[in-house]
């Protein structure tokens, strides 16, 4: 799980493997595989860095097939 922050300032934890896509319009919006949209205060690069750190922590260091 990675920690992100909603627009209202509350911390929220998401499973990064469930993110389908991210877009900025102007806030960062995550589209989850469930179809749910989550709007965040986080910068896109911040979320990407957290996903990379999480994947390294759990031992996923290479591309998935």
N, C-alpha and C. Protein backbone atom coordinates (compact mmCIF):
# COMPACT_ATOMS: atom_id res chain seq x y z
N UNK A 1 0.85 -1.18 0.00
CA UNK A 1 0.00 0.00 0.00
C UNK A 1 0.89 1.24 0.00
N UNK A 2 0.44 2.26 -0.71
CA UNK A 2 1.17 3.54 -0.69
C UNK A 2 0.25 4.62 -0.11
N UNK A 3 0.88 5.58 0.55
CA UNK A 3 0.12 6.66 1.16
C UNK A 3 -0.03 7.82 0.17
N UNK A 4 -1.25 8.29 0.03
CA UNK A 4 -1.54 9.44 -0.81
C UNK A 4 -2.41 10.40 0.00
N UNK A 5 -2.65 11.59 -0.53
CA UNK A 5 -3.46 12.56 0.19
C UNK A 5 -4.60 13.05 -0.70
N UNK A 6 -5.81 12.93 -0.17
CA UNK A 6 -6.99 13.42 -0.88
C UNK A 6 -7.01 14.94 -0.88
N UNK A 7 -7.87 15.52 -1.68
CA UNK A 7 -7.96 16.97 -1.76
C UNK A 7 -8.36 17.60 -0.43
N UNK A 8 -9.10 16.87 0.40
CA UNK A 8 -9.52 17.42 1.70
C UNK A 8 -8.42 17.32 2.76
N UNK A 9 -7.24 16.81 2.38
CA UNK A 9 -6.10 16.73 3.29
C UNK A 9 -6.00 15.44 4.07
N UNK A 10 -6.95 14.54 3.90
CA UNK A 10 -6.92 13.27 4.62
C UNK A 10 -5.98 12.29 3.93
N UNK A 11 -5.22 11.56 4.78
CA UNK A 11 -4.33 10.52 4.24
C UNK A 11 -5.17 9.32 3.83
N UNK A 12 -4.69 8.65 2.80
CA UNK A 12 -5.41 7.53 2.22
C UNK A 12 -4.36 6.55 1.72
N UNK A 13 -4.62 5.26 1.83
CA UNK A 13 -3.67 4.25 1.37
C UNK A 13 -4.32 3.45 0.26
N UNK A 14 -3.59 3.28 -0.83
CA UNK A 14 -4.11 2.53 -1.97
C UNK A 14 -3.14 1.42 -2.37
N UNK A 15 -3.68 0.41 -3.00
CA UNK A 15 -2.88 -0.67 -3.55
C UNK A 15 -2.44 -0.21 -4.95
N UNK A 16 -1.14 0.02 -5.15
CA UNK A 16 -0.71 0.54 -6.45
C UNK A 16 -0.92 -0.42 -7.61
N UNK A 17 -1.11 -1.70 -7.31
CA UNK A 17 -1.37 -2.66 -8.38
C UNK A 17 -2.79 -2.52 -8.94
N UNK A 18 -3.62 -1.74 -8.27
CA UNK A 18 -5.00 -1.56 -8.71
C UNK A 18 -5.22 -0.27 -9.49
N UNK A 19 -4.12 0.47 -9.75
CA UNK A 19 -4.23 1.71 -10.53
C UNK A 19 -4.20 1.36 -12.02
N UNK A 20 -5.23 1.81 -12.72
CA UNK A 20 -5.28 1.58 -14.16
C UNK A 20 -4.60 2.73 -14.91
N UNK A 21 -4.88 3.97 -14.48
CA UNK A 21 -4.26 5.12 -15.13
C UNK A 21 -4.28 6.33 -14.20
N UNK A 22 -3.47 7.34 -14.57
CA UNK A 22 -3.43 8.60 -13.83
C UNK A 22 -3.54 9.73 -14.85
N UNK A 23 -4.25 10.79 -14.47
CA UNK A 23 -4.31 11.96 -15.34
C UNK A 23 -4.39 13.22 -14.48
N UNK A 24 -3.91 14.31 -15.02
CA UNK A 24 -4.02 15.59 -14.32
C UNK A 24 -5.01 16.45 -15.07
N UNK A 25 -5.96 17.04 -14.32
CA UNK A 25 -7.00 17.85 -14.97
C UNK A 25 -7.63 18.85 -14.00
N UNK A 26 -7.07 19.79 -13.34
CA UNK A 26 -5.65 19.96 -13.08
C UNK A 26 -5.16 19.11 -11.91
N UNK A 27 -6.09 18.62 -11.06
CA UNK A 27 -5.67 17.76 -9.96
C UNK A 27 -5.39 16.36 -10.47
N UNK A 28 -4.56 15.63 -9.73
CA UNK A 28 -4.23 14.26 -10.12
C UNK A 28 -5.42 13.35 -9.84
N UNK A 29 -5.87 12.65 -10.86
CA UNK A 29 -6.98 11.71 -10.73
C UNK A 29 -6.47 10.31 -11.07
N UNK A 30 -6.69 9.38 -10.13
CA UNK A 30 -6.34 7.98 -10.37
C UNK A 30 -7.60 7.25 -10.79
N UNK A 31 -7.52 6.47 -11.84
CA UNK A 31 -8.61 5.59 -12.22
C UNK A 31 -8.19 4.20 -11.79
N UNK A 32 -8.99 3.61 -10.90
CA UNK A 32 -8.67 2.29 -10.37
C UNK A 32 -9.29 1.21 -11.25
N UNK A 33 -8.79 0.00 -11.16
CA UNK A 33 -9.32 -1.11 -11.96
C UNK A 33 -10.79 -1.36 -11.66
N UNK A 34 -11.25 -0.98 -10.48
CA UNK A 34 -12.66 -1.15 -10.10
C UNK A 34 -13.56 -0.14 -10.79
N UNK A 35 -12.96 0.89 -11.43
CA UNK A 35 -13.72 1.95 -12.05
C UNK A 35 -13.84 3.18 -11.17
N UNK A 36 -13.44 3.07 -9.93
CA UNK A 36 -13.49 4.20 -9.00
C UNK A 36 -12.43 5.23 -9.36
N UNK A 37 -12.78 6.50 -9.21
CA UNK A 37 -11.82 7.58 -9.44
C UNK A 37 -11.47 8.20 -8.09
N UNK A 38 -10.18 8.47 -7.89
CA UNK A 38 -9.70 9.08 -6.66
C UNK A 38 -8.91 10.33 -7.05
N UNK A 39 -9.33 11.49 -6.52
CA UNK A 39 -8.67 12.76 -6.81
C UNK A 39 -7.72 13.08 -5.66
N UNK A 40 -6.47 13.40 -6.01
CA UNK A 40 -5.43 13.57 -5.01
C UNK A 40 -4.76 14.94 -5.08
N UNK A 41 -4.15 15.32 -3.93
CA UNK A 41 -3.30 16.51 -3.88
C UNK A 41 -1.90 16.20 -4.39
N UNK A 42 -1.51 14.93 -4.36
CA UNK A 42 -0.16 14.52 -4.71
C UNK A 42 0.20 14.92 -6.13
N UNK A 43 1.49 15.15 -6.32
CA UNK A 43 2.07 15.39 -7.64
C UNK A 43 2.19 14.02 -8.34
N UNK A 44 1.97 13.95 -9.65
CA UNK A 44 2.09 12.65 -10.33
C UNK A 44 3.45 11.96 -10.10
N UNK A 45 4.54 12.73 -10.15
CA UNK A 45 5.86 12.12 -9.96
C UNK A 45 6.00 11.55 -8.56
N UNK A 46 5.38 12.19 -7.57
CA UNK A 46 5.40 11.69 -6.19
C UNK A 46 4.75 10.31 -6.12
N UNK A 47 3.61 10.15 -6.77
CA UNK A 47 2.92 8.86 -6.77
C UNK A 47 3.75 7.82 -7.50
N UNK A 48 4.35 8.19 -8.63
CA UNK A 48 5.19 7.26 -9.37
C UNK A 48 6.38 6.81 -8.52
N UNK A 49 7.02 7.76 -7.83
CA UNK A 49 8.15 7.43 -6.96
C UNK A 49 7.73 6.49 -5.84
N UNK A 50 6.55 6.70 -5.27
CA UNK A 50 6.05 5.83 -4.21
C UNK A 50 5.75 4.43 -4.74
N UNK A 51 5.24 4.34 -5.95
CA UNK A 51 4.97 3.03 -6.56
C UNK A 51 6.28 2.29 -6.79
N UNK A 52 7.29 2.97 -7.30
CA UNK A 52 8.59 2.34 -7.54
C UNK A 52 9.20 1.86 -6.23
N UNK A 53 9.15 2.70 -5.19
CA UNK A 53 9.70 2.31 -3.88
C UNK A 53 8.95 1.12 -3.31
N UNK A 54 7.64 1.11 -3.46
CA UNK A 54 6.82 -0.01 -2.97
C UNK A 54 7.18 -1.31 -3.69
N UNK A 55 7.31 -1.23 -5.02
CA UNK A 55 7.64 -2.42 -5.80
C UNK A 55 9.02 -2.97 -5.44
N UNK A 56 9.97 -2.07 -5.18
CA UNK A 56 11.31 -2.51 -4.75
C UNK A 56 11.23 -3.17 -3.38
N UNK A 57 10.43 -2.59 -2.50
CA UNK A 57 10.28 -3.11 -1.14
C UNK A 57 9.73 -4.53 -1.13
N UNK A 58 8.78 -4.82 -2.04
CA UNK A 58 8.19 -6.16 -2.06
C UNK A 58 8.91 -7.11 -3.01
N UNK A 59 9.97 -6.61 -3.66
CA UNK A 59 10.80 -7.49 -4.48
C UNK A 59 10.42 -7.60 -5.93
N UNK A 60 9.67 -6.64 -6.43
CA UNK A 60 9.35 -6.63 -7.86
C UNK A 60 10.23 -5.59 -8.51
N UNK A 61 11.33 -6.03 -9.11
CA UNK A 61 12.31 -5.09 -9.67
C UNK A 61 12.36 -5.10 -11.18
N UNK A 62 11.64 -6.00 -11.81
CA UNK A 62 11.69 -6.07 -13.27
C UNK A 62 10.28 -5.90 -13.85
N UNK A 63 10.24 -5.76 -15.16
CA UNK A 63 8.95 -5.61 -15.82
C UNK A 63 8.13 -6.88 -15.69
N UNK A 64 6.82 -6.69 -15.56
CA UNK A 64 5.91 -7.83 -15.52
C UNK A 64 5.55 -8.21 -16.95
N UNK A 65 5.20 -9.45 -17.14
CA UNK A 65 4.80 -9.92 -18.46
C UNK A 65 3.30 -10.05 -18.51
